[in-house]
C-alpha atoms as a PDB file:
ATOM      1  CA  MET A   1      13.553 -14.090   8.675  1.00  0.00           C
ATOM      2  CA  PRO A   2      11.542 -14.548   5.473  1.00  0.00           C
ATOM      3  CA  ARG A   3      12.049 -12.180   2.545  1.00  0.00           C
ATOM      4  CA  LEU A   4       8.619 -10.614   2.188  1.00  0.00           C
ATOM      5  CA  SER A   5       9.409  -8.351  -0.766  1.00  0.00           C
ATOM      6  CA  ASP A   6      12.114  -7.875  -3.356  1.00  0.00           C
ATOM      7  CA  SER A   7      13.220  -4.603  -1.733  1.00  0.00           C
ATOM      8  CA  MET A   8      13.205  -5.876   1.872  1.00  0.00           C
ATOM      9  CA  GLU A   9      16.563  -5.310   3.583  1.00  0.00           C
ATOM     10  CA  GLU A  10      15.466  -6.315   7.075  1.00  0.00           C
ATOM     11  CA  GLY A  11      12.290  -7.082   9.010  1.00  0.00           C
ATOM     12  CA  THR A  12      11.233  -6.421  12.576  1.00  0.00           C
ATOM     13  CA  ILE A  13       9.458  -8.956  14.768  1.00  0.00           C
ATOM     14  CA  VAL A  14       6.346  -7.124  15.948  1.00  0.00           C
ATOM     15  CA  ALA A  15       4.979  -9.994  18.055  1.00  0.00           C
ATOM     16  CA  TRP A  16       5.221 -13.733  18.492  1.00  0.00           C
ATOM     17  CA  LEU A  17       1.668 -15.048  18.245  1.00  0.00           C
ATOM     18  CA  VAL A  18       2.494 -18.250  20.168  1.00  0.00           C
ATOM     19  CA  GLU A  19       4.786 -18.867  23.125  1.00  0.00           C
ATOM     20  CA  ASP A  20       8.144 -20.571  23.064  1.00  0.00           C
ATOM     21  CA  GLY A  21       7.739 -24.346  23.403  1.00  0.00           C
ATOM     22  CA  THR A  22       4.254 -24.413  21.888  1.00  0.00           C
ATOM     23  CA  LEU A  23       3.237 -27.178  19.514  1.00  0.00           C
ATOM     24  CA  VAL A  24       2.312 -25.563  16.189  1.00  0.00           C
ATOM     25  CA  SER A  25       0.879 -26.996  12.997  1.00  0.00           C
ATOM     26  CA  GLN A  26       2.052 -26.184   9.496  1.00  0.00           C
ATOM     27  CA  GLY A  27       0.156 -23.124   8.300  1.00  0.00           C
ATOM     28  CA  ASP A  28      -0.543 -21.715  11.790  1.00  0.00           C
ATOM     29  CA  GLU A  29       0.259 -18.010  12.050  1.00  0.00           C
ATOM     30  CA  ILE A  30       3.130 -17.783  14.530  1.00  0.00           C
ATOM     31  CA  VAL A  31       4.725 -14.341  14.166  1.00  0.00           C
ATOM     32  CA  GLU A  32       3.917 -10.832  12.952  1.00  0.00           C
ATOM     33  CA  ILE A  33       6.713  -9.253  10.926  1.00  0.00           C
ATOM     34  CA  GLU A  34       6.982  -5.644   9.840  1.00  0.00           C
ATOM     35  CA  SER A  35       8.600  -5.565   6.420  1.00  0.00           C
ATOM     36  CA  ASP A  36       9.452  -2.592   4.250  1.00  0.00           C
ATOM     37  CA  LYS A  37       5.890  -2.532   2.906  1.00  0.00           C
ATOM     38  CA  ALA A  38       3.478  -3.866   5.528  1.00  0.00           C
ATOM     39  CA  THR A  39       3.047  -5.758   8.785  1.00  0.00           C
ATOM     40  CA  LEU A  40       2.138  -9.366   8.046  1.00  0.00           C
ATOM     41  CA  ALA A  41       1.447 -12.561   9.967  1.00  0.00           C
ATOM     42  CA  TYR A  42       3.806 -15.359   8.885  1.00  0.00           C
ATOM     43  CA  PRO A  43       2.814 -19.048   9.131  1.00  0.00           C
ATOM     44  CA  ALA A  44       4.730 -22.037  10.444  1.00  0.00           C
ATOM     45  CA  GLU A  45       6.458 -23.926   7.658  1.00  0.00           C
ATOM     46  CA  ALA A  46       6.239 -27.285   9.438  1.00  0.00           C
ATOM     47  CA  THR A  47       4.521 -29.045  12.336  1.00  0.00           C
ATOM     48  CA  GLY A  48       6.451 -29.308  15.598  1.00  0.00           C
ATOM     49  CA  VAL A  49       7.472 -27.480  18.751  1.00  0.00           C
ATOM     50  CA  LEU A  50       8.397 -23.822  18.285  1.00  0.00           C
ATOM     51  CA  ARG A  51      11.752 -22.707  19.701  1.00  0.00           C
ATOM     52  CA  ILE A  52      12.067 -18.909  19.579  1.00  0.00           C
ATOM     53  CA  ASP A  53      15.588 -17.552  19.025  1.00  0.00           C
ATOM     54  CA  VAL A  54      14.958 -13.833  18.468  1.00  0.00           C
ATOM     55  CA  ALA A  55      12.902 -11.613  20.772  1.00  0.00           C
ATOM     56  CA  THR A  56      10.033  -9.289  19.913  1.00  0.00           C
ATOM     57  CA  GLY A  57      11.180  -5.900  18.673  1.00  0.00           C
ATOM     58  CA  THR A  58      14.356  -7.253  17.075  1.00  0.00           C
ATOM     59  CA  ALA A  59      15.250  -6.419  13.480  1.00  0.00           C
ATOM     60  CA  ALA A  60      16.965  -9.015  11.313  1.00  0.00           C
ATOM     61  CA  ALA A  61      18.033  -9.402   7.707  1.00  0.00           C
ATOM     62  CA  PRO A  62      16.243 -11.911   5.459  1.00  0.00           C
ATOM     63  CA  GLY A  63      17.707 -15.367   5.957  1.00  0.00           C
ATOM     64  CA  THR A  64      18.619 -14.784   9.613  1.00  0.00           C
ATOM     65  CA  GLN A  65      17.394 -17.566  11.905  1.00  0.00           C
ATOM     66  CA  ILE A  66      14.691 -16.202  14.196  1.00  0.00           C
ATOM     67  CA  ALA A  67      13.169 -19.491  15.388  1.00  0.00           C
ATOM     68  CA  GLN A  68      13.253 -23.246  14.949  1.00  0.00           C
ATOM     69  CA  ILE A  69      10.492 -25.813  14.684  1.00  0.00           C
ATOM     70  CA  ASP A  70      11.491 -29.087  16.317  1.00  0.00           C
ATOM     71  CA  VAL A  71       9.593 -31.660  14.287  1.00  0.00           C
ATOM     72  CA  ASP A  72      11.036 -34.547  16.317  1.00  0.00           C
ATOM     73  CA  ALA A  73      10.043 -33.237  19.752  1.00  0.00           C
ATOM     74  CA  ASP A  74       7.554 -35.082  21.940  1.00  0.00           C
ATOM     75  CA  ARG A  75       4.174 -33.742  20.936  1.00  0.00           C
ATOM     76  CA  THR A  76       2.519 -34.676  24.232  1.00  0.00           C
ATOM     77  CA  VAL A  77       2.194 -31.711  26.542  1.00  0.00           C
ATOM     78  CA  ALA A  78       2.082 -32.789  30.194  1.00  0.00           C
ATOM     79  CA  VAL A  79       0.337 -30.545  32.700  1.00  0.00           C
ATOM     80  CA  SER A  80       1.270 -31.139  36.363  1.00  0.00           C
ATOM     81  CA  LEU A  81      -1.139 -30.065  39.116  1.00  0.00           C
ATOM     82  CA  PRO A  82      -0.238 -29.894  42.810  1.00  0.00           C
ATOM     83  CA  THR A  83      -1.828 -32.556  45.054  1.00  0.00           C
ATOM     84  CA  VAL A  84      -3.991 -31.312  47.868  1.00  0.00           C
ATOM     85  CA  ASP A  85      -5.135 -33.305  50.949  1.00  0.00           C
ATOM     86  CA  ASP A  86      -8.867 -33.411  51.504  1.00  0.00           C
ATOM     87  CA  ASP A  87      -8.516 -31.543  54.813  1.00  0.00           C
ATOM     88  CA  GLU A  88      -6.115 -28.978  53.512  1.00  0.00           C
ATOM     89  CA  GLU A  89      -7.241 -25.767  51.945  1.00  0.00           C
ATOM     90  CA  PRO A  90      -5.523 -25.186  48.643  1.00  0.00           C
ATOM     91  CA  ARG A  91      -2.938 -22.441  48.813  1.00  0.00           C
ATOM     92  CA  VAL A  92      -3.372 -19.698  46.268  1.00  0.00           C
ATOM     93  CA  GLU A  93      -0.281 -17.810  45.252  1.00  0.00           C
ATOM     94  CA  GLN A  94      -0.885 -14.083  45.145  1.00  0.00           C
ATOM     95  CA  ALA A  95       0.280 -12.411  42.011  1.00  0.00           C
ATOM     96  CA  PRO A  96       2.903  -9.729  42.670  1.00  0.00           C
ATOM     97  CA  GLU A  97       1.815  -6.143  42.465  1.00  0.00           C
ATOM     98  CA  PRO A  98       2.623  -4.710  39.046  1.00  0.00           C
ATOM     99  CA  ALA A  99       5.623  -2.454  39.071  1.00  0.00           C
ATOM    100  CA  GLU A 100       5.273   1.151  38.042  1.00  0.00           C
ATOM    101  CA  PRO A 101       6.116   1.484  34.360  1.00  0.00           C
ATOM    102  CA  PRO A 102       9.335   3.346  33.727  1.00  0.00           C
ATOM    103  CA  ALA A 103       9.053   6.876  32.494  1.00  0.00           C
ATOM    104  CA  ALA A 104       9.349   7.100  28.738  1.00  0.00           C
ATOM    105  CA  PRO A 105      12.474   8.917  27.538  1.00  0.00           C
ATOM    106  CA  THR A 106      12.223  12.056  25.446  1.00  0.00           C
ATOM    107  CA  ALA A 107      14.972  13.496  23.552  1.00  0.00           C
ATOM    108  CA  PRO A 108      16.866  16.327  25.255  1.00  0.00           C
ATOM    109  CA  LEU A 109      15.226  19.687  24.639  1.00  0.00           C
ATOM    110  CA  THR A 110      16.977  22.979  24.096  1.00  0.00           C
ATOM    111  CA  ALA A 111      15.858  26.478  25.021  1.00  0.00           C
ATOM    112  CA  SER A 112      14.456  26.897  21.540  1.00  0.00           C
ATOM    113  CA  SER A 113      12.487  23.618  21.571  1.00  0.00           C
ATOM    114  CA  PRO A 114       8.687  23.868  21.769  1.00  0.00           C
ATOM    115  CA  THR A 115       7.085  22.776  25.014  1.00  0.00           C
ATOM    116  CA  GLY A 116       4.934  19.657  25.141  1.00  0.00           C
ATOM    117  CA  VAL A 117       6.845  17.947  22.336  1.00  0.00           C
ATOM    118  CA  ARG A 118       6.917  14.148  22.104  1.00  0.00           C
ATOM    119  CA  PHE A 119       9.194  11.991  19.977  1.00  0.00           C
ATOM    120  CA  ARG A 120       8.494   8.507  18.649  1.00  0.00           C
ATOM    121  CA  GLU A 121      10.391   6.032  16.553  1.00  0.00           C
ATOM    122  CA  PRO A 122       9.040   5.923  12.988  1.00  0.00           C
ATOM    123  CA  SER A 123       7.739   2.582  11.811  1.00  0.00           C
ATOM    124  CA  ARG A 124       9.669   0.570   9.272  1.00  0.00           C
ATOM    125  CA  ILE A 125       7.129   1.533   6.616  1.00  0.00           C
ATOM    126  CA  GLU A 126       7.588   5.233   7.424  1.00  0.00           C
ATOM    127  CA  ARG A 127      11.356   4.808   7.201  1.00  0.00           C
ATOM    128  CA  LEU A 128      11.022   3.049   3.850  1.00  0.00           C
ATOM    129  CA  VAL A 129       8.694   5.705   2.433  1.00  0.00           C
ATOM    130  CA  THR A 130      11.122   8.390   3.598  1.00  0.00           C
ATOM    131  CA  LYS A 131      14.079   6.578   2.056  1.00  0.00           C
ATOM    132  CA  ARG A 132      12.352   6.076  -1.280  1.00  0.00           C
ATOM    133  CA  MET A 133      10.967   9.592  -1.486  1.00  0.00           C
ATOM    134  CA  VAL A 134      14.392  11.090  -0.729  1.00  0.00           C
ATOM    135  CA  GLN A 135      15.847   8.742  -3.359  1.00  0.00           C
ATOM    136  CA  SER A 136      13.192   9.859  -5.829  1.00  0.00           C
ATOM    137  CA  ARG A 137      13.746  13.561  -5.217  1.00  0.00           C
ATOM    138  CA  SER A 138      17.543  13.149  -5.291  1.00  0.00           C
ATOM    139  CA  GLU A 139      17.828  10.976  -8.396  1.00  0.00           C
ATOM    140  CA  ILE A 140      14.784  11.543 -10.615  1.00  0.00           C
ATOM    141  CA  PRO A 141      14.613  14.711 -12.749  1.00  0.00           C
ATOM    142  CA  ASP A 142      10.834  14.963 -12.740  1.00  0.00           C
ATOM    143  CA  PHE A 143       8.466  17.383 -14.433  1.00  0.00           C
ATOM    144  CA  ALA A 144       4.693  17.840 -14.275  1.00  0.00           C
ATOM    145  CA  VAL A 145       2.030  18.364 -16.946  1.00  0.00           C
ATOM    146  CA  THR A 146      -1.607  19.125 -16.046  1.00  0.00           C
ATOM    147  CA  VAL A 147      -4.894  18.822 -17.933  1.00  0.00           C
ATOM    148  CA  GLU A 148      -8.539  19.404 -17.083  1.00  0.00           C
ATOM    149  CA  ILE A 149     -11.029  16.640 -17.923  1.00  0.00           C
ATOM    150  CA  ASP A 150     -14.784  16.972 -18.305  1.00  0.00           C
ATOM    151  CA  MET A 151     -16.228  14.203 -16.115  1.00  0.00           C
ATOM    152  CA  SER A 152     -19.874  14.615 -17.181  1.00  0.00           C
ATOM    153  CA  ALA A 153     -19.975  11.349 -19.132  1.00  0.00           C
ATOM    154  CA  CYS A 154     -18.272   9.393 -16.334  1.00  0.00           C
ATOM    155  CA  ILE A 155     -20.751  10.675 -13.766  1.00  0.00           C
ATOM    156  CA  ALA A 156     -23.651   9.816 -16.067  1.00  0.00           C
ATOM    157  CA  LEU A 157     -22.247   6.315 -16.660  1.00  0.00           C
ATOM    158  CA  ARG A 158     -21.978   5.637 -12.925  1.00  0.00           C
ATOM    159  CA  ALA A 159     -25.529   6.872 -12.348  1.00  0.00           C
ATOM    160  CA  ASP A 160     -26.783   4.547 -15.072  1.00  0.00           C
ATOM    161  CA  LEU A 161     -24.871   1.568 -13.623  1.00  0.00           C
ATOM    162  CA  LYS A 162     -26.294   2.281 -10.176  1.00  0.00           C
ATOM    163  CA  ARG A 163     -29.812   2.157 -11.595  1.00  0.00           C
ATOM    164  CA  VAL A 164     -29.056  -1.238 -13.101  1.00  0.00           C
ATOM    165  CA  GLY A 165     -27.833  -2.398  -9.687  1.00  0.00           C
ATOM    166  CA  GLY A 166     -25.174  -4.855  -8.653  1.00  0.00           C
ATOM    167  CA  LYS A 167     -22.164  -4.788  -6.369  1.00  0.00           C
ATOM    168  CA  ARG A 168     -19.560  -4.026  -9.000  1.00  0.00           C
ATOM    169  CA  VAL A 169     -20.434  -0.425  -9.839  1.00  0.00           C
ATOM    170  CA  PRO A 170     -17.033   1.234 -10.394  1.00  0.00           C
ATOM    171  CA  SER A 171     -16.029   4.309  -8.450  1.00  0.00           C
ATOM    172  CA  VAL A 172     -14.721   7.397 -10.206  1.00  0.00           C
ATOM    173  CA  ASN A 173     -11.230   6.286  -9.202  1.00  0.00           C
ATOM    174  CA  ASP A 174     -11.852   2.865 -10.793  1.00  0.00           C
ATOM    175  CA  LEU A 175     -12.739   4.615 -14.050  1.00  0.00           C
ATOM    176  CA  ILE A 176      -9.539   6.651 -13.825  1.00  0.00           C
ATOM    177  CA  VAL A 177      -7.410   3.563 -13.114  1.00  0.00           C
ATOM    178  CA  LYS A 178      -8.972   1.695 -16.031  1.00  0.00           C
ATOM    179  CA  ALA A 179      -8.456   4.689 -18.322  1.00  0.00           C
ATOM    180  CA  CYS A 180      -4.819   4.924 -17.197  1.00  0.00           C
ATOM    181  CA  ALA A 181      -4.285   1.205 -17.847  1.00  0.00           C
ATOM    182  CA  LEU A 182      -5.608   1.452 -21.405  1.00  0.00           C
ATOM    183  CA  THR A 183      -3.644   4.656 -22.020  1.00  0.00           C
ATOM    184  CA  LEU A 184      -0.451   2.980 -20.793  1.00  0.00           C
ATOM    185  CA  ARG A 185      -1.088   0.173 -23.265  1.00  0.00           C
ATOM    186  CA  ASP A 186      -1.506   2.773 -26.019  1.00  0.00           C
ATOM    187  CA  HIS A 187       1.562   4.725 -24.860  1.00  0.00           C
ATOM    188  CA  PRO A 188       4.067   2.149 -23.550  1.00  0.00           C
ATOM    189  CA  ARG A 189       6.790   4.786 -23.167  1.00  0.00           C
ATOM    190  CA  VAL A 190       5.002   5.981 -20.005  1.00  0.00           C
ATOM    191  CA  ASN A 191       4.890   2.359 -18.795  1.00  0.00           C
ATOM    192  CA  SER A 192       8.677   2.234 -18.542  1.00  0.00           C
ATOM    193  CA  ALA A 193      11.353   3.397 -16.108  1.00  0.00           C
ATOM    194  CA  TRP A 194      15.031   4.276 -15.758  1.00  0.00           C
ATOM    195  CA  VAL A 195      16.656   1.364 -13.868  1.00  0.00           C
ATOM    196  CA  ASP A 196      20.416   0.898 -13.405  1.00  0.00           C
ATOM    197  CA  ASP A 197      21.250   3.272 -16.277  1.00  0.00           C
ATOM    198  CA  GLN A 198      18.947   1.410 -18.640  1.00  0.00           C
ATOM    199  CA  VAL A 199      15.372   1.898 -19.816  1.00  0.00           C
ATOM    200  CA  ALA A 200      13.167  -0.868 -18.409  1.00  0.00           C
ATOM    201  CA  GLU A 201      10.213  -1.455 -20.744  1.00  0.00           C
ATOM    202  CA  TYR A 202       7.482  -3.357 -18.930  1.00  0.00           C
ATOM    203  CA  ASP A 203       5.351  -5.902 -20.760  1.00  0.00           C
ATOM    204  CA  HIS A 204       2.581  -5.817 -18.136  1.00  0.00           C
ATOM    205  CA  VAL A 205       0.448  -2.861 -17.089  1.00  0.00           C
ATOM    206  CA  ASN A 206       0.327  -3.065 -13.282  1.00  0.00           C
ATOM    207  CA  VAL A 207      -1.285   0.014 -11.748  1.00  0.00           C
ATOM    208  CA  GLY A 208      -0.608   0.863  -8.109  1.00  0.00           C
ATOM    209  CA  VAL A 209      -3.326   2.733  -6.206  1.00  0.00           C
ATOM    210  CA  ALA A 210      -2.168   4.793  -3.222  1.00  0.00           C
ATOM    211  CA  VAL A 211      -4.223   3.992  -0.085  1.00  0.00           C
ATOM    212  CA  ALA A 212      -4.102   5.594   3.373  1.00  0.00           C
ATOM    213  CA  THR A 213      -4.571   2.882   6.014  1.00  0.00           C
ATOM    214  CA  ASP A 214      -6.502   3.183   9.264  1.00  0.00           C
ATOM    215  CA  ASP A 215      -3.245   3.653  11.211  1.00  0.00           C
ATOM    216  CA  GLU A 216      -2.202   6.545   8.947  1.00  0.00           C
ATOM    217  CA  GLN A 217       0.303   4.551   6.918  1.00  0.00           C
ATOM    218  CA  LEU A 218       0.586   4.823   3.147  1.00  0.00           C
ATOM    219  CA  VAL A 219       0.570   1.647   1.077  1.00  0.00           C
ATOM    220  CA  VAL A 220       0.185   1.116  -2.659  1.00  0.00           C
ATOM    221  CA  PRO A 221      -1.646  -2.092  -3.591  1.00  0.00           C
ATOM    222  CA  VAL A 222      -1.063  -3.099  -7.207  1.00  0.00           C
ATOM    223  CA  ILE A 223      -3.791  -4.114  -9.655  1.00  0.00           C
ATOM    224  CA  ALA A 224      -1.912  -6.511 -11.912  1.00  0.00           C
ATOM    225  CA  ASP A 225      -2.691  -6.516 -15.639  1.00  0.00           C
ATOM    226  CA  ALA A 226      -5.225  -3.747 -15.115  1.00  0.00           C
ATOM    227  CA  ASP A 227      -5.561  -3.228 -18.865  1.00  0.00           C
ATOM    228  CA  ARG A 228      -6.820  -6.806 -19.308  1.00  0.00           C
ATOM    229  CA  LEU A 229      -9.493  -6.677 -16.608  1.00  0.00           C
ATOM    230  CA  THR A 230     -13.056  -5.697 -17.368  1.00  0.00           C
ATOM    231  CA  LEU A 231     -14.256  -2.556 -15.617  1.00  0.00           C
ATOM    232  CA  GLY A 232     -16.307  -4.697 -13.218  1.00  0.00           C
ATOM    233  CA  GLN A 233     -13.365  -6.999 -12.450  1.00  0.00           C
ATOM    234  CA  LEU A 234     -11.102  -4.022 -11.844  1.00  0.00           C
ATOM    235  CA  ALA A 235     -13.633  -2.397  -9.485  1.00  0.00           C
ATOM    236  CA  GLU A 236     -13.976  -5.640  -7.526  1.00  0.00           C
ATOM    237  CA  ARG A 237     -10.210  -6.130  -7.290  1.00  0.00           C
ATOM    238  CA  SER A 238      -9.683  -2.523  -6.240  1.00  0.00           C
ATOM    239  CA  ARG A 239     -12.257  -2.814  -3.423  1.00  0.00           C
ATOM    240  CA  GLU A 240     -10.712  -6.063  -2.207  1.00  0.00           C
ATOM    241  CA  LEU A 241      -7.167  -4.683  -2.149  1.00  0.00           C
ATOM    242  CA  THR A 242      -8.218  -1.425  -0.462  1.00  0.00           C
ATOM    243  CA  LYS A 243     -10.115  -3.314   2.232  1.00  0.00           C
ATOM    244  CA  ARG A 244      -7.168  -5.639   2.898  1.00  0.00           C
ATOM    245  CA  ALA A 245      -4.722  -2.724   2.952  1.00  0.00           C
ATOM    246  CA  ARG A 246      -6.747  -0.745   5.493  1.00  0.00           C
ATOM    247  CA  ALA A 247      -7.126  -3.833   7.679  1.00  0.00           C
ATOM    248  CA  GLY A 248      -3.370  -4.470   7.567  1.00  0.00           C
ATOM    249  CA  ARG A 249      -3.846  -7.831   5.814  1.00  0.00           C
ATOM    250  CA  ILE A 250      -2.266  -6.969   2.484  1.00  0.00           C
ATOM    251  CA  THR A 251       0.431  -9.386   1.261  1.00  0.00           C
ATOM    252  CA  PRO A 252       3.867  -8.472  -0.133  1.00  0.00           C
ATOM    253  CA  ALA A 253       2.902  -9.875  -3.540  1.00  0.00           C
ATOM    254  CA  GLU A 254      -0.068  -7.492  -3.654  1.00  0.00           C
ATOM    255  CA  LEU A 255       2.268  -4.536  -3.060  1.00  0.00           C
ATOM    256  CA  SER A 256       4.889  -5.514  -5.636  1.00  0.00           C
ATOM    257  CA  GLY A 257       5.363  -5.228  -9.369  1.00  0.00           C
ATOM    258  CA  GLY A 258       3.771  -1.832 -10.011  1.00  0.00           C
ATOM    259  CA  THR A 259       4.691  -0.118 -13.277  1.00  0.00           C
ATOM    260  CA  PHE A 260       2.639   3.080 -12.738  1.00  0.00           C
ATOM    261  CA  THR A 261       0.790   4.686  -9.815  1.00  0.00           C
ATOM    262  CA  VAL A 262      -2.433   6.663  -9.377  1.00  0.00           C
ATOM    263  CA  SER A 263      -2.664   8.936  -6.324  1.00  0.00           C
ATOM    264  CA  ASN A 264      -6.104  10.476  -5.793  1.00  0.00           C
ATOM    265  CA  LEU A 265      -6.673  13.219  -3.203  1.00  0.00           C
ATOM    266  CA  GLY A 266      -9.802  14.545  -4.855  1.00  0.00           C
ATOM    267  CA  MET A 267     -12.075  13.019  -2.201  1.00  0.00           C
ATOM    268  CA  LEU A 268     -10.307  15.212   0.368  1.00  0.00           C
ATOM    269  CA  GLY A 269     -11.067  18.398  -1.531  1.00  0.00           C
ATOM    270  CA  VAL A 270      -7.582  18.839  -3.002  1.00  0.00           C
ATOM    271  CA  ALA A 271      -7.979  20.545  -6.356  1.00  0.00           C
ATOM    272  CA  HIS A 272      -4.458  20.096  -7.722  1.00  0.00           C
ATOM    273  CA  PHE A 273      -1.136  18.621  -6.566  1.00  0.00           C
ATOM    274  CA  SER A 274       2.064  16.995  -7.743  1.00  0.00           C
ATOM    275  CA  ALA A 275       3.106  13.523  -6.565  1.00  0.00           C
ATOM    276  CA  ILE A 276       6.518  11.920  -6.078  1.00  0.00           C
ATOM    277  CA  ILE A 277       7.445   9.130  -8.499  1.00  0.00           C
ATOM    278  CA  THR A 278       8.063   5.698  -7.014  1.00  0.00           C
ATOM    279  CA  PRO A 279      11.603   4.471  -7.828  1.00  0.00           C
ATOM    280  CA  GLY A 280      11.382   1.759 -10.461  1.00  0.00           C
ATOM    281  CA  GLN A 281       8.516   3.540 -12.224  1.00  0.00           C
ATOM    282  CA  GLY A 282       8.539   6.293 -14.812  1.00  0.00           C
ATOM    283  CA  ALA A 283       5.462   8.301 -13.861  1.00  0.00           C
ATOM    284  CA  ILE A 284       2.620   8.865 -11.412  1.00  0.00           C
ATOM    285  CA  LEU A 285      -0.794  10.464 -11.958  1.00  0.00           C
ATOM    286  CA  ALA A 286      -1.958  12.931  -9.289  1.00  0.00           C
ATOM    287  CA  VAL A 287      -5.751  13.273  -9.346  1.00  0.00           C
ATOM    288  CA  GLY A 288      -7.508  16.284  -7.837  1.00  0.00           C
ATOM    289  CA  SER A 289     -11.136  16.922  -7.007  1.00  0.00           C
ATOM    290  CA  THR A 290     -13.962  17.377  -9.496  1.00  0.00           C
ATOM    291  CA  VAL A 291     -15.314  20.933  -9.353  1.00  0.00           C
ATOM    292  CA  THR A 292     -17.945  22.767 -11.354  1.00  0.00           C
ATOM    293  CA  LYS A 293     -16.509  25.078 -13.982  1.00  0.00           C
ATOM    294  CA  PHE A 294     -17.978  27.012 -16.880  1.00  0.00           C
ATOM    295  CA  VAL A 295     -16.707  25.505 -20.107  1.00  0.00           C
ATOM    296  CA  PRO A 296     -17.281  27.202 -23.487  1.00  0.00           C
ATOM    297  CA  ILE A 297     -19.456  24.933 -25.636  1.00  0.00           C
ATOM    298  CA  ASP A 298     -20.645  26.221 -29.030  1.00  0.00           C
ATOM    299  CA  GLY A 299     -19.641  29.718 -27.965  1.00  0.00           C
ATOM    300  CA  ALA A 300     -21.658  29.722 -24.715  1.00  0.00           C
ATOM    301  CA  PRO A 301     -20.428  28.996 -21.154  1.00  0.00           C
ATOM    302  CA  VAL A 302     -21.844  25.726 -19.769  1.00  0.00           C
ATOM    303  CA  ALA A 303     -21.387  24.422 -16.205  1.00  0.00           C
ATOM    304  CA  ARG A 304     -19.480  21.143 -16.236  1.00  0.00           C
ATOM    305  CA  PRO A 305     -17.838  18.898 -13.557  1.00  0.00           C
ATOM    306  CA  VAL A 306     -14.132  19.236 -14.294  1.00  0.00           C
ATOM    307  CA  LEU A 307     -11.318  17.130 -12.846  1.00  0.00           C
ATOM    308  CA  THR A 308      -7.656  18.174 -12.735  1.00  0.00           C
ATOM    309  CA  ALA A 309      -5.080  15.466 -13.494  1.00  0.00           C
ATOM    310  CA  THR A 310      -1.319  15.988 -13.249  1.00  0.00           C
ATOM    311  CA  LEU A 311       1.185  13.549 -14.741  1.00  0.00           C
ATOM    312  CA  CYS A 312       4.575  13.680 -12.976  1.00  0.00           C
ATOM    313  CA  SER A 313       7.207  12.006 -15.146  1.00  0.00           C
ATOM    314  CA  ASP A 314      10.869  11.000 -15.076  1.00  0.00           C
ATOM    315  CA  HIS A 315      12.483  13.132 -17.788  1.00  0.00           C
ATOM    316  CA  ARG A 316      15.193  10.508 -18.373  1.00  0.00           C
ATOM    317  CA  VAL A 317      12.549   8.274 -19.942  1.00  0.00           C
ATOM    318  CA  ILE A 318       9.481  10.386 -20.682  1.00  0.00           C
ATOM    319  CA  TYR A 319       9.673  13.689 -22.552  1.00  0.00           C
ATOM    320  CA  GLY A 320       7.142  16.485 -22.696  1.00  0.00           C
ATOM    321  CA  ALA A 321       5.562  15.229 -25.921  1.00  0.00           C
ATOM    322  CA  HIS A 322       5.082  11.754 -24.427  1.00  0.00           C
ATOM    323  CA  ALA A 323       3.397  13.203 -21.325  1.00  0.00           C
ATOM    324  CA  ALA A 324       1.131  15.458 -23.366  1.00  0.00           C
ATOM    325  CA  ALA A 325       0.079  12.607 -25.666  1.00  0.00           C
ATOM    326  CA  PHE A 326      -0.620  10.371 -22.663  1.00  0.00           C
ATOM    327  CA  LEU A 327      -2.857  12.972 -20.991  1.00  0.00           C
ATOM    328  CA  ASP A 328      -4.683  13.730 -24.224  1.00  0.00           C
ATOM    329  CA  ARG A 329      -5.489  10.035 -24.678  1.00  0.00           C
ATOM    330  CA  LEU A 330      -6.476   9.712 -20.999  1.00  0.00           C
ATOM    331  CA  ARG A 331      -8.852  12.641 -21.378  1.00  0.00           C
ATOM    332  CA  THR A 332     -10.434  11.022 -24.448  1.00  0.00           C
ATOM    333  CA  TYR A 333     -11.097   7.787 -22.543  1.00  0.00           C
ATOM    334  CA  LEU A 334     -12.673   9.592 -19.565  1.00  0.00           C
ATOM    335  CA  GLU A 335     -14.759  11.981 -21.639  1.00  0.00           C
ATOM    336  CA  HIS A 336     -16.034   8.970 -23.643  1.00  0.00           C
ATOM    337  CA  PRO A 337     -16.141   6.259 -20.927  1.00  0.00           C
ATOM    338  CA  GLY A 338     -17.977   3.796 -23.137  1.00  0.00           C
ATOM    339  CA  SER A 339     -14.572   3.189 -24.694  1.00  0.00           C
ATOM    340  CA  LEU A 340     -13.404   1.680 -21.376  1.00  0.00           C
ATOM    341  CA  ALA A 341     -15.521  -1.380 -22.131  1.00  0.00           C
ATOM    342  CA  LEU A 342     -13.805  -2.035 -25.474  1.00  0.00           C
END
């Protein structure tokens, strides 16, 4: 069983993509494995005949032998066909009738249980998310600080970039991620975490972006060194990672190493929310929707598109003043988005 991430404790064999005894070539995808972060196809590490040791549906710890590749086996596959006399009609074996599938168990119900209830086993990813969120809520003394940001300049910038054309026009979320990356570089205290009773200060700014996949899973692809990418490069990388995540083709490396996370529910009409900090990180930004509000400008109310952003922080590392300074700098970047190109 390969170790597909640093936090992987065991993996489950979802499916063998080739049958036992099949000749495989190095690099051929032979098995799908559900790790703690995603379901991935794993390639053969050598050329030879595959000998499967562990059945589909089995969980195993990293390092456990799940199959062998016999590189010395005869690579000639012989196919034997029955001989048939010219005057004899070939006999066709009838396939047996499929048996009725067994009834699926459901857990025992009590008098107070709702009718029509169904139970299913959570996926490994769901179990991991549950474990980490319980760990976060149990161990991290978090607090939340919220600001409102005038997005007029960001919206105008995107409209101008669309007129210019091209495939790398950043989304609003790309602008937010880029602004966060630069703000983290300006305020490294927020780009740190409490790990094993020590403060881990990260040298790289790796921003995770929460993505809901097509099968209703939650994954967080990581844009590495987001502060060093141009806005166009970041937008391109974000699109690529999101597409791969939703198609279930994201790799463990692309889900690892995050130092900060952005979770955006604004596109779903959520105005304001708090998010749970990922263990190993010090903070997460929860982004709500952009709504029209009347903002006093020169003593008169003016309609502006306003976004609500909430920074949830680990109080062991980040104090109120740090969070407030971070959000103030973030607001400056987004209200003057030309600065994102500097």
